[in-house]
Amino acid sequence: MNICVFLSAADLDDRYTVPAREFAELLGKGGHCLVWGGSDTGLMKVVADGVQKAGGRLVGVSVDFLAAKARAGADEMVFARDLAERKALMLARADAVVIMVGGTGTLDEATEILELKKHGKHDKPVVLLNAAGFYDGLKEQFRRMEAEGFLPLPLTDLVFFAEDGVSALAYLEESAGIR
């Protein structure tokens, strides 16, 4: 399965890197392919290292203005003109999406992917990996949106909140009929 992961390129502490590395190793050991932003820095590097070390394949989708940060050892590297094209290319290459911790770029990616799913533009499973409770506030906001009628479908049809990499990958594999 090709699993797109949106996440930070920042250097983060262990409460975020340890769960990310664990998920990456599970992904690689499961024979899955990582589709990610292509950077060889921060959390993106942690995940790419984990997948590659465990035998998984790496497909990077970077942007021209970040070419200097692209991972040299990826199995495949594609360069988009801008961030919008990058998101579209990543989604097109993916069978499923995982959103890990990140800043405004990751939040933008997450909301666009969920908006596209809400409107039926894709039916890929989407997981928010809630490492160290990072997405607790967003989870509460989504519950409020659902309760107050802002979501035209049940929240559980839109996104799965996973507390760890094991439950995230189990959900994705079950959604794909692998388990």
N, C-alpha and C. Protein backbone atom coordinates (compact mmCIF):
# COMPACT_ATOMS: atom_id res chain seq x y z
N MET A 1 0.85 -1.18 0.00
CA MET A 1 0.00 0.00 0.00
C MET A 1 0.90 1.24 0.00
N ASN A 2 0.52 2.24 -0.77
CA ASN A 2 1.22 3.53 -0.78
C ASN A 2 0.57 4.42 0.25
N ILE A 3 1.33 4.78 1.27
CA ILE A 3 0.79 5.57 2.37
C ILE A 3 1.42 6.96 2.35
N CYS A 4 0.58 7.95 2.10
CA CYS A 4 1.01 9.34 2.09
C CYS A 4 1.04 9.84 3.54
N VAL A 5 2.15 10.43 3.92
CA VAL A 5 2.27 10.98 5.26
C VAL A 5 2.59 12.47 5.16
N PHE A 6 1.71 13.28 5.74
CA PHE A 6 1.94 14.71 5.86
C PHE A 6 2.47 14.96 7.27
N LEU A 7 3.57 15.72 7.38
CA LEU A 7 4.20 15.92 8.68
C LEU A 7 5.21 17.05 8.61
N SER A 8 5.73 17.38 9.74
CA SER A 8 6.68 18.48 9.89
C SER A 8 8.08 18.12 9.38
N ALA A 9 8.77 19.13 8.90
CA ALA A 9 10.19 18.97 8.55
C ALA A 9 11.07 19.55 9.66
N ALA A 10 10.45 19.94 10.78
CA ALA A 10 11.20 20.53 11.91
C ALA A 10 11.81 19.43 12.78
N ASP A 11 12.88 19.79 13.48
CA ASP A 11 13.46 18.90 14.48
C ASP A 11 12.60 19.00 15.73
N LEU A 12 12.11 17.86 16.19
CA LEU A 12 11.18 17.83 17.31
C LEU A 12 11.70 16.91 18.40
N ASP A 13 11.09 17.00 19.58
CA ASP A 13 11.58 16.17 20.68
C ASP A 13 10.99 14.76 20.63
N ASP A 14 11.45 13.92 21.54
CA ASP A 14 11.14 12.49 21.51
C ASP A 14 9.65 12.17 21.60
N ARG A 15 8.87 13.01 22.23
CA ARG A 15 7.43 12.67 22.34
C ARG A 15 6.77 12.63 20.96
N TYR A 16 7.41 13.24 19.96
CA TYR A 16 6.91 13.18 18.58
C TYR A 16 7.76 12.27 17.70
N THR A 17 9.07 12.25 17.90
CA THR A 17 9.91 11.45 17.02
C THR A 17 9.80 9.95 17.30
N VAL A 18 9.64 9.57 18.56
CA VAL A 18 9.55 8.14 18.88
C VAL A 18 8.31 7.51 18.24
N PRO A 19 7.10 8.07 18.41
CA PRO A 19 5.94 7.46 17.74
C PRO A 19 6.05 7.50 16.20
N ALA A 20 6.64 8.55 15.67
CA ALA A 20 6.81 8.65 14.22
C ALA A 20 7.74 7.55 13.72
N ARG A 21 8.84 7.34 14.42
CA ARG A 21 9.80 6.29 14.05
C ARG A 21 9.15 4.91 14.16
N GLU A 22 8.40 4.68 15.22
CA GLU A 22 7.72 3.39 15.40
C GLU A 22 6.76 3.13 14.24
N PHE A 23 5.97 4.14 13.87
CA PHE A 23 5.04 3.99 12.76
C PHE A 23 5.80 3.71 11.46
N ALA A 24 6.89 4.45 11.23
CA ALA A 24 7.68 4.28 10.02
C ALA A 24 8.25 2.87 9.91
N GLU A 25 8.74 2.34 11.01
CA GLU A 25 9.29 0.99 10.99
C GLU A 25 8.21 -0.05 10.71
N LEU A 26 7.01 0.15 11.27
CA LEU A 26 5.89 -0.75 10.98
C LEU A 26 5.52 -0.67 9.50
N LEU A 27 5.51 0.53 8.98
CA LEU A 27 5.18 0.74 7.57
C LEU A 27 6.18 -0.01 6.68
N GLY A 28 7.46 0.16 6.96
CA GLY A 28 8.50 -0.51 6.17
C GLY A 28 8.45 -2.02 6.30
N LYS A 29 8.31 -2.52 7.54
CA LYS A 29 8.24 -3.97 7.77
C LYS A 29 7.02 -4.59 7.09
N GLY A 30 5.96 -3.81 6.96
CA GLY A 30 4.75 -4.29 6.31
C GLY A 30 4.85 -4.29 4.79
N GLY A 31 5.97 -3.83 4.26
CA GLY A 31 6.16 -3.80 2.82
C GLY A 31 5.46 -2.65 2.13
N HIS A 32 5.11 -1.63 2.90
CA HIS A 32 4.40 -0.48 2.34
C HIS A 32 5.39 0.56 1.80
N CYS A 33 4.85 1.47 1.01
CA CYS A 33 5.63 2.55 0.42
C CYS A 33 5.24 3.86 1.08
N LEU A 34 6.24 4.64 1.48
CA LEU A 34 6.01 5.97 2.03
C LEU A 34 5.99 6.99 0.90
N VAL A 35 4.91 7.75 0.83
CA VAL A 35 4.83 8.91 -0.06
C VAL A 35 4.84 10.11 0.87
N TRP A 36 5.90 10.93 0.77
CA TRP A 36 6.03 12.04 1.72
C TRP A 36 6.63 13.24 1.02
N GLY A 37 6.74 14.34 1.74
CA GLY A 37 7.19 15.60 1.18
C GLY A 37 8.61 15.65 0.69
N GLY A 38 9.36 14.57 0.84
CA GLY A 38 10.67 14.44 0.24
C GLY A 38 11.84 15.06 0.97
N SER A 39 11.58 15.82 2.03
CA SER A 39 12.67 16.49 2.73
C SER A 39 13.48 15.51 3.57
N ASP A 40 14.77 15.79 3.67
CA ASP A 40 15.67 14.98 4.48
C ASP A 40 16.05 15.74 5.74
N THR A 41 15.04 16.38 6.34
CA THR A 41 15.25 17.15 7.56
C THR A 41 14.14 16.84 8.56
N GLY A 42 14.47 17.03 9.83
CA GLY A 42 13.48 16.95 10.90
C GLY A 42 12.70 15.65 10.94
N LEU A 43 11.41 15.78 11.26
CA LEU A 43 10.55 14.61 11.39
C LEU A 43 10.40 13.87 10.06
N MET A 44 10.45 14.60 8.95
CA MET A 44 10.40 13.94 7.64
C MET A 44 11.56 12.97 7.49
N LYS A 45 12.74 13.36 7.93
CA LYS A 45 13.92 12.49 7.86
C LYS A 45 13.76 11.28 8.79
N VAL A 46 13.24 11.52 9.99
CA VAL A 46 13.04 10.43 10.95
C VAL A 46 12.15 9.34 10.32
N VAL A 47 11.06 9.76 9.72
CA VAL A 47 10.12 8.80 9.12
C VAL A 47 10.74 8.11 7.90
N ALA A 48 11.37 8.86 7.03
CA ALA A 48 12.00 8.26 5.86
C ALA A 48 13.09 7.27 6.27
N ASP A 49 13.90 7.63 7.26
CA ASP A 49 14.93 6.72 7.76
C ASP A 49 14.31 5.43 8.27
N GLY A 50 13.25 5.55 9.07
CA GLY A 50 12.60 4.37 9.64
C GLY A 50 12.02 3.45 8.59
N VAL A 51 11.35 4.02 7.59
CA VAL A 51 10.76 3.21 6.52
C VAL A 51 11.86 2.52 5.73
N GLN A 52 12.87 3.28 5.35
CA GLN A 52 13.95 2.72 4.53
C GLN A 52 14.72 1.64 5.29
N LYS A 53 15.02 1.87 6.55
CA LYS A 53 15.75 0.90 7.37
C LYS A 53 14.97 -0.41 7.50
N ALA A 54 13.64 -0.32 7.52
CA ALA A 54 12.80 -1.51 7.68
C ALA A 54 12.43 -2.15 6.35
N GLY A 55 12.98 -1.64 5.26
CA GLY A 55 12.78 -2.29 3.97
C GLY A 55 11.68 -1.73 3.10
N GLY A 56 11.10 -0.61 3.51
CA GLY A 56 10.04 0.01 2.71
C GLY A 56 10.60 0.89 1.60
N ARG A 57 9.72 1.26 0.71
CA ARG A 57 10.08 2.10 -0.44
C ARG A 57 9.75 3.56 -0.13
N LEU A 58 10.56 4.49 -0.68
CA LEU A 58 10.38 5.92 -0.46
C LEU A 58 10.08 6.64 -1.77
N VAL A 59 8.94 7.34 -1.79
CA VAL A 59 8.59 8.20 -2.92
C VAL A 59 8.41 9.60 -2.37
N GLY A 60 9.35 10.48 -2.73
CA GLY A 60 9.30 11.86 -2.28
C GLY A 60 8.64 12.75 -3.31
N VAL A 61 7.86 13.70 -2.81
CA VAL A 61 7.25 14.71 -3.67
C VAL A 61 7.61 16.06 -3.06
N SER A 62 8.62 16.67 -3.59
CA SER A 62 9.11 17.94 -3.07
C SER A 62 8.63 19.08 -3.96
N VAL A 63 9.08 20.27 -3.64
CA VAL A 63 8.78 21.44 -4.47
C VAL A 63 10.11 22.07 -4.89
N ASP A 64 10.06 22.75 -6.02
CA ASP A 64 11.29 23.33 -6.57
C ASP A 64 12.05 24.16 -5.54
N PHE A 65 11.34 24.98 -4.75
CA PHE A 65 12.05 25.87 -3.83
C PHE A 65 12.65 25.15 -2.62
N LEU A 66 12.34 23.85 -2.46
CA LEU A 66 12.94 23.06 -1.38
C LEU A 66 13.87 21.97 -1.91
N ALA A 67 14.26 22.07 -3.17
CA ALA A 67 15.08 21.03 -3.79
C ALA A 67 16.37 20.75 -3.02
N ALA A 68 16.95 21.76 -2.41
CA ALA A 68 18.20 21.58 -1.66
C ALA A 68 18.01 20.70 -0.42
N LYS A 69 16.78 20.55 0.05
CA LYS A 69 16.50 19.74 1.24
C LYS A 69 15.99 18.35 0.89
N ALA A 70 15.89 18.04 -0.40
CA ALA A 70 15.34 16.75 -0.82
C ALA A 70 16.29 15.61 -0.46
N ARG A 71 15.71 14.48 -0.14
CA ARG A 71 16.47 13.29 0.25
C ARG A 71 17.11 12.67 -0.99
N ALA A 72 18.40 12.52 -0.94
CA ALA A 72 19.14 11.95 -2.07
C ALA A 72 18.89 10.46 -2.24
N GLY A 73 18.62 9.74 -1.16
CA GLY A 73 18.50 8.29 -1.23
C GLY A 73 17.10 7.75 -1.42
N ALA A 74 16.16 8.58 -1.85
CA ALA A 74 14.79 8.11 -2.07
C ALA A 74 14.74 7.20 -3.31
N ASP A 75 13.80 6.27 -3.31
CA ASP A 75 13.63 5.41 -4.47
C ASP A 75 13.14 6.20 -5.67
N GLU A 76 12.36 7.23 -5.39
CA GLU A 76 11.84 8.11 -6.44
C GLU A 76 11.65 9.50 -5.84
N MET A 77 11.97 10.52 -6.61
CA MET A 77 11.77 11.90 -6.15
C MET A 77 11.15 12.69 -7.30
N VAL A 78 10.03 13.33 -7.00
CA VAL A 78 9.32 14.15 -7.97
C VAL A 78 9.34 15.58 -7.45
N PHE A 79 9.46 16.55 -8.35
CA PHE A 79 9.44 17.95 -7.95
C PHE A 79 8.23 18.65 -8.55
N ALA A 80 7.44 19.23 -7.66
CA ALA A 80 6.26 19.99 -8.08
C ALA A 80 6.63 21.47 -8.20
N ARG A 81 5.81 22.19 -8.93
CA ARG A 81 6.04 23.63 -9.10
C ARG A 81 5.73 24.42 -7.83
N ASP A 82 4.70 23.97 -7.10
CA ASP A 82 4.28 24.70 -5.90
C ASP A 82 3.63 23.74 -4.91
N LEU A 83 3.23 24.26 -3.77
CA LEU A 83 2.67 23.42 -2.71
C LEU A 83 1.34 22.80 -3.09
N ALA A 84 0.52 23.52 -3.84
CA ALA A 84 -0.78 22.97 -4.27
C ALA A 84 -0.57 21.75 -5.17
N GLU A 85 0.35 21.87 -6.12
CA GLU A 85 0.62 20.74 -7.01
C GLU A 85 1.21 19.58 -6.20
N ARG A 86 2.05 19.88 -5.23
CA ARG A 86 2.65 18.84 -4.39
C ARG A 86 1.57 18.05 -3.66
N LYS A 87 0.61 18.74 -3.04
CA LYS A 87 -0.48 18.03 -2.34
C LYS A 87 -1.23 17.12 -3.29
N ALA A 88 -1.55 17.65 -4.47
CA ALA A 88 -2.31 16.86 -5.46
C ALA A 88 -1.52 15.63 -5.91
N LEU A 89 -0.23 15.79 -6.15
CA LEU A 89 0.60 14.66 -6.57
C LEU A 89 0.70 13.61 -5.46
N MET A 90 0.86 14.07 -4.24
CA MET A 90 0.96 13.13 -3.11
C MET A 90 -0.33 12.34 -2.95
N LEU A 91 -1.46 13.02 -3.02
CA LEU A 91 -2.74 12.32 -2.88
C LEU A 91 -2.96 11.35 -4.04
N ALA A 92 -2.59 11.75 -5.25
CA ALA A 92 -2.77 10.89 -6.41
C ALA A 92 -1.95 9.60 -6.31
N ARG A 93 -0.82 9.66 -5.67
CA ARG A 93 0.07 8.49 -5.55
C ARG A 93 -0.27 7.62 -4.34
N ALA A 94 -1.22 8.05 -3.52
CA ALA A 94 -1.50 7.38 -2.25
C ALA A 94 -2.75 6.50 -2.30
N ASP A 95 -2.69 5.45 -1.49
CA ASP A 95 -3.87 4.61 -1.23
C ASP A 95 -4.52 5.01 0.09
N ALA A 96 -3.75 5.68 0.93
CA ALA A 96 -4.21 6.09 2.26
C ALA A 96 -3.37 7.28 2.70
N VAL A 97 -3.88 8.02 3.70
CA VAL A 97 -3.21 9.23 4.17
C VAL A 97 -3.08 9.19 5.69
N VAL A 98 -1.90 9.55 6.18
CA VAL A 98 -1.65 9.70 7.61
C VAL A 98 -1.15 11.13 7.83
N ILE A 99 -1.72 11.78 8.81
CA ILE A 99 -1.30 13.13 9.16
C ILE A 99 -0.64 13.05 10.53
N MET A 100 0.63 13.38 10.56
CA MET A 100 1.39 13.40 11.81
C MET A 100 1.48 14.84 12.30
N VAL A 101 2.21 15.04 13.36
CA VAL A 101 2.35 16.38 13.92
C VAL A 101 3.02 17.32 12.92
N GLY A 102 2.64 18.58 12.99
CA GLY A 102 3.23 19.57 12.10
C GLY A 102 2.68 20.94 12.36
N GLY A 103 3.16 21.88 11.60
CA GLY A 103 2.75 23.28 11.73
C GLY A 103 1.67 23.65 10.74
N THR A 104 1.72 24.89 10.28
CA THR A 104 0.66 25.39 9.40
C THR A 104 0.60 24.66 8.07
N GLY A 105 1.74 24.25 7.54
CA GLY A 105 1.73 23.50 6.28
C GLY A 105 1.01 22.17 6.44
N THR A 106 1.29 21.46 7.51
CA THR A 106 0.64 20.18 7.77
C THR A 106 -0.85 20.37 8.02
N LEU A 107 -1.20 21.41 8.75
CA LEU A 107 -2.62 21.69 8.99
C LEU A 107 -3.34 22.01 7.68
N ASP A 108 -2.69 22.77 6.80
CA ASP A 108 -3.26 23.05 5.48
C ASP A 108 -3.47 21.76 4.71
N GLU A 109 -2.48 20.89 4.71
CA GLU A 109 -2.60 19.62 4.00
C GLU A 109 -3.73 18.77 4.57
N ALA A 110 -3.81 18.72 5.89
CA ALA A 110 -4.84 17.92 6.54
C ALA A 110 -6.24 18.43 6.19
N THR A 111 -6.45 19.72 6.30
CA THR A 111 -7.79 20.24 6.05
C THR A 111 -8.18 20.09 4.58
N GLU A 112 -7.22 20.26 3.67
CA GLU A 112 -7.56 20.07 2.25
C GLU A 112 -7.93 18.62 1.95
N ILE A 113 -7.15 17.69 2.49
CA ILE A 113 -7.43 16.27 2.26
C ILE A 113 -8.80 15.90 2.82
N LEU A 114 -9.12 16.41 4.01
CA LEU A 114 -10.43 16.12 4.61
C LEU A 114 -11.56 16.80 3.85
N GLU A 115 -11.34 18.01 3.35
CA GLU A 115 -12.36 18.70 2.57
C GLU A 115 -12.64 17.95 1.27
N LEU A 116 -11.59 17.48 0.62
CA LEU A 116 -11.77 16.69 -0.61
C LEU A 116 -12.54 15.41 -0.32
N LYS A 117 -12.24 14.77 0.80
CA LYS A 117 -12.95 13.54 1.16
C LYS A 117 -14.41 13.84 1.48
N LYS A 118 -14.65 14.93 2.18
CA LYS A 118 -16.02 15.33 2.53
C LYS A 118 -16.87 15.50 1.28
N HIS A 119 -16.26 16.01 0.22
CA HIS A 119 -16.99 16.26 -1.03
C HIS A 119 -16.93 15.09 -2.01
N GLY A 120 -16.42 13.95 -1.55
CA GLY A 120 -16.39 12.76 -2.39
C GLY A 120 -15.34 12.77 -3.49
N LYS A 121 -14.32 13.62 -3.37
CA LYS A 121 -13.27 13.68 -4.39
C LYS A 121 -12.22 12.58 -4.21
N HIS A 122 -12.24 11.92 -3.07
CA HIS A 122 -11.45 10.70 -2.85
C HIS A 122 -12.12 9.94 -1.71
N ASP A 123 -11.84 8.63 -1.66
CA ASP A 123 -12.41 7.81 -0.59
C ASP A 123 -11.33 7.08 0.18
N LYS A 124 -10.14 7.64 0.17
CA LYS A 124 -9.00 7.02 0.84
C LYS A 124 -9.12 7.18 2.35
N PRO A 125 -8.74 6.16 3.10
CA PRO A 125 -8.75 6.31 4.55
C PRO A 125 -7.76 7.39 5.00
N VAL A 126 -8.18 8.18 5.99
CA VAL A 126 -7.35 9.25 6.53
C VAL A 126 -7.21 9.05 8.03
N VAL A 127 -5.98 9.08 8.51
CA VAL A 127 -5.67 8.91 9.93
C VAL A 127 -4.95 10.14 10.43
N LEU A 128 -5.38 10.65 11.56
CA LEU A 128 -4.63 11.67 12.29
C LEU A 128 -3.90 10.95 13.40
N LEU A 129 -2.58 10.89 13.33
CA LEU A 129 -1.79 10.22 14.37
C LEU A 129 -1.56 11.22 15.50
N ASN A 130 -2.27 11.00 16.58
CA ASN A 130 -2.37 11.95 17.69
C ASN A 130 -1.26 11.74 18.72
N ALA A 131 -0.01 11.81 18.28
CA ALA A 131 1.14 11.60 19.17
C ALA A 131 1.13 12.63 20.30
N ALA A 132 1.29 12.13 21.51
CA ALA A 132 1.36 12.98 22.72
C ALA A 132 0.18 13.93 22.83
N GLY A 133 -0.97 13.52 22.29
CA GLY A 133 -2.18 14.35 22.39
C GLY A 133 -2.14 15.60 21.53
N PHE A 134 -1.24 15.64 20.55
CA PHE A 134 -1.04 16.84 19.73
C PHE A 134 -2.33 17.33 19.08
N TYR A 135 -3.16 16.40 18.63
CA TYR A 135 -4.40 16.78 17.93
C TYR A 135 -5.65 16.72 18.81
N ASP A 136 -5.49 16.70 20.13
CA ASP A 136 -6.67 16.67 21.01
C ASP A 136 -7.60 17.85 20.76
N GLY A 137 -7.05 19.04 20.62
CA GLY A 137 -7.87 20.23 20.36
C GLY A 137 -8.60 20.15 19.03
N LEU A 138 -7.92 19.68 18.00
CA LEU A 138 -8.54 19.54 16.69
C LEU A 138 -9.63 18.47 16.73
N LYS A 139 -9.37 17.40 17.44
CA LYS A 139 -10.36 16.33 17.59
C LYS A 139 -11.63 16.88 18.24
N GLU A 140 -11.47 17.68 19.27
CA GLU A 140 -12.61 18.30 19.93
C GLU A 140 -13.35 19.25 18.98
N GLN A 141 -12.60 20.01 18.20
CA GLN A 141 -13.21 20.92 17.24
C GLN A 141 -14.02 20.15 16.19
N PHE A 142 -13.47 19.05 15.69
CA PHE A 142 -14.21 18.23 14.73
C PHE A 142 -15.48 17.67 15.35
N ARG A 143 -15.41 17.24 16.60
CA ARG A 143 -16.61 16.74 17.28
C ARG A 143 -17.68 17.83 17.39
N ARG A 144 -17.23 19.05 17.66
CA ARG A 144 -18.18 20.18 17.72
C ARG A 144 -18.78 20.44 16.34
N MET A 145 -17.96 20.41 15.31
CA MET A 145 -18.46 20.60 13.94
C MET A 145 -19.52 19.55 13.61
N GLU A 146 -19.26 18.32 13.99
CA GLU A 146 -20.22 17.24 13.74
C GLU A 146 -21.51 17.47 14.53
N ALA A 147 -21.38 17.77 15.81
CA ALA A 147 -22.55 17.96 16.68
C ALA A 147 -23.42 19.13 16.23
N GLU A 148 -22.78 20.17 15.69
CA GLU A 148 -23.53 21.37 15.31
C GLU A 148 -23.91 21.40 13.83
N GLY A 149 -23.72 20.26 13.14
CA GLY A 149 -24.20 20.14 11.77
C GLY A 149 -23.30 20.68 10.67
N PHE A 150 -22.03 20.90 10.95
CA PHE A 150 -21.13 21.42 9.94
C PHE A 150 -20.55 20.34 9.03
N LEU A 151 -20.69 19.08 9.42
CA LEU A 151 -20.16 17.98 8.61
C LEU A 151 -21.32 17.20 8.00
N PRO A 152 -21.32 17.02 6.68
CA PRO A 152 -22.42 16.31 6.03
C PRO A 152 -22.34 14.79 6.16
N LEU A 153 -21.31 14.28 6.81
CA LEU A 153 -21.17 12.86 7.04
C LEU A 153 -20.59 12.65 8.44
N PRO A 154 -20.75 11.46 8.99
CA PRO A 154 -20.22 11.21 10.34
C PRO A 154 -18.70 11.41 10.39
N LEU A 155 -18.24 11.94 11.48
CA LEU A 155 -16.81 12.18 11.66
C LEU A 155 -16.01 10.89 11.47
N THR A 156 -16.56 9.77 11.91
CA THR A 156 -15.86 8.49 11.77
C THR A 156 -15.70 8.07 10.30
N ASP A 157 -16.52 8.60 9.41
CA ASP A 157 -16.36 8.33 7.97
C ASP A 157 -15.31 9.24 7.35
N LEU A 158 -15.00 10.31 8.02
CA LEU A 158 -14.07 11.31 7.50
C LEU A 158 -12.63 11.04 7.91
N VAL A 159 -12.43 10.74 9.21
CA VAL A 159 -11.07 10.60 9.73
C VAL A 159 -11.06 9.66 10.93
N PHE A 160 -9.93 8.96 11.08
CA PHE A 160 -9.72 8.09 12.24
C PHE A 160 -8.60 8.70 13.07
N PHE A 161 -8.86 8.91 14.34
CA PHE A 161 -7.83 9.41 15.26
C PHE A 161 -7.13 8.22 15.91
N ALA A 162 -5.84 8.08 15.64
CA ALA A 162 -5.05 6.99 16.21
C ALA A 162 -4.13 7.55 17.27
N GLU A 163 -4.02 6.85 18.37
CA GLU A 163 -3.15 7.28 19.46
C GLU A 163 -1.73 6.76 19.32
N ASP A 164 -1.54 5.78 18.43
CA ASP A 164 -0.21 5.22 18.22
C ASP A 164 -0.11 4.64 16.81
N GLY A 165 1.11 4.32 16.42
CA GLY A 165 1.36 3.82 15.08
C GLY A 165 0.74 2.46 14.81
N VAL A 166 0.68 1.62 15.84
CA VAL A 166 0.09 0.28 15.66
C VAL A 166 -1.38 0.40 15.26
N SER A 167 -2.14 1.22 15.99
CA SER A 167 -3.56 1.36 15.66
C SER A 167 -3.75 2.10 14.34
N ALA A 168 -2.85 3.03 14.01
CA ALA A 168 -2.95 3.74 12.74
C ALA A 168 -2.78 2.78 11.57
N LEU A 169 -1.72 1.96 11.61
CA LEU A 169 -1.47 1.03 10.51
C LEU A 169 -2.54 -0.07 10.47
N ALA A 170 -2.99 -0.53 11.62
CA ALA A 170 -4.05 -1.55 11.65
C ALA A 170 -5.32 -1.03 10.97
N TYR A 171 -5.68 0.21 11.26
CA TYR A 171 -6.86 0.82 10.63
C TYR A 171 -6.68 0.90 9.11
N LEU A 172 -5.50 1.34 8.67
CA LEU A 172 -5.26 1.47 7.23
C LEU A 172 -5.30 0.11 6.53
N GLU A 173 -4.66 -0.88 7.13
CA GLU A 173 -4.64 -2.21 6.53
C GLU A 173 -6.04 -2.84 6.51
N GLU A 174 -6.79 -2.62 7.57
CA GLU A 174 -8.15 -3.13 7.61
C GLU A 174 -9.01 -2.43 6.55
N SER A 175 -8.84 -1.13 6.40
CA SER A 175 -9.58 -0.37 5.38
C SER A 175 -9.26 -0.86 3.98
N ALA A 176 -8.03 -1.33 3.78
CA ALA A 176 -7.59 -1.80 2.46
C ALA A 176 -7.86 -3.29 2.27
N GLY A 177 -8.42 -3.94 3.30
CA GLY A 177 -8.71 -5.37 3.21
C GLY A 177 -7.48 -6.25 3.37
N ILE A 178 -6.42 -5.70 3.96
CA ILE A 178 -5.19 -6.47 4.16
C ILE A 178 -5.29 -7.32 5.41
N ARG A 179 -6.02 -6.86 6.41
CA ARG A 179 -6.17 -7.63 7.67
C ARG A 179 -7.49 -8.32 7.72
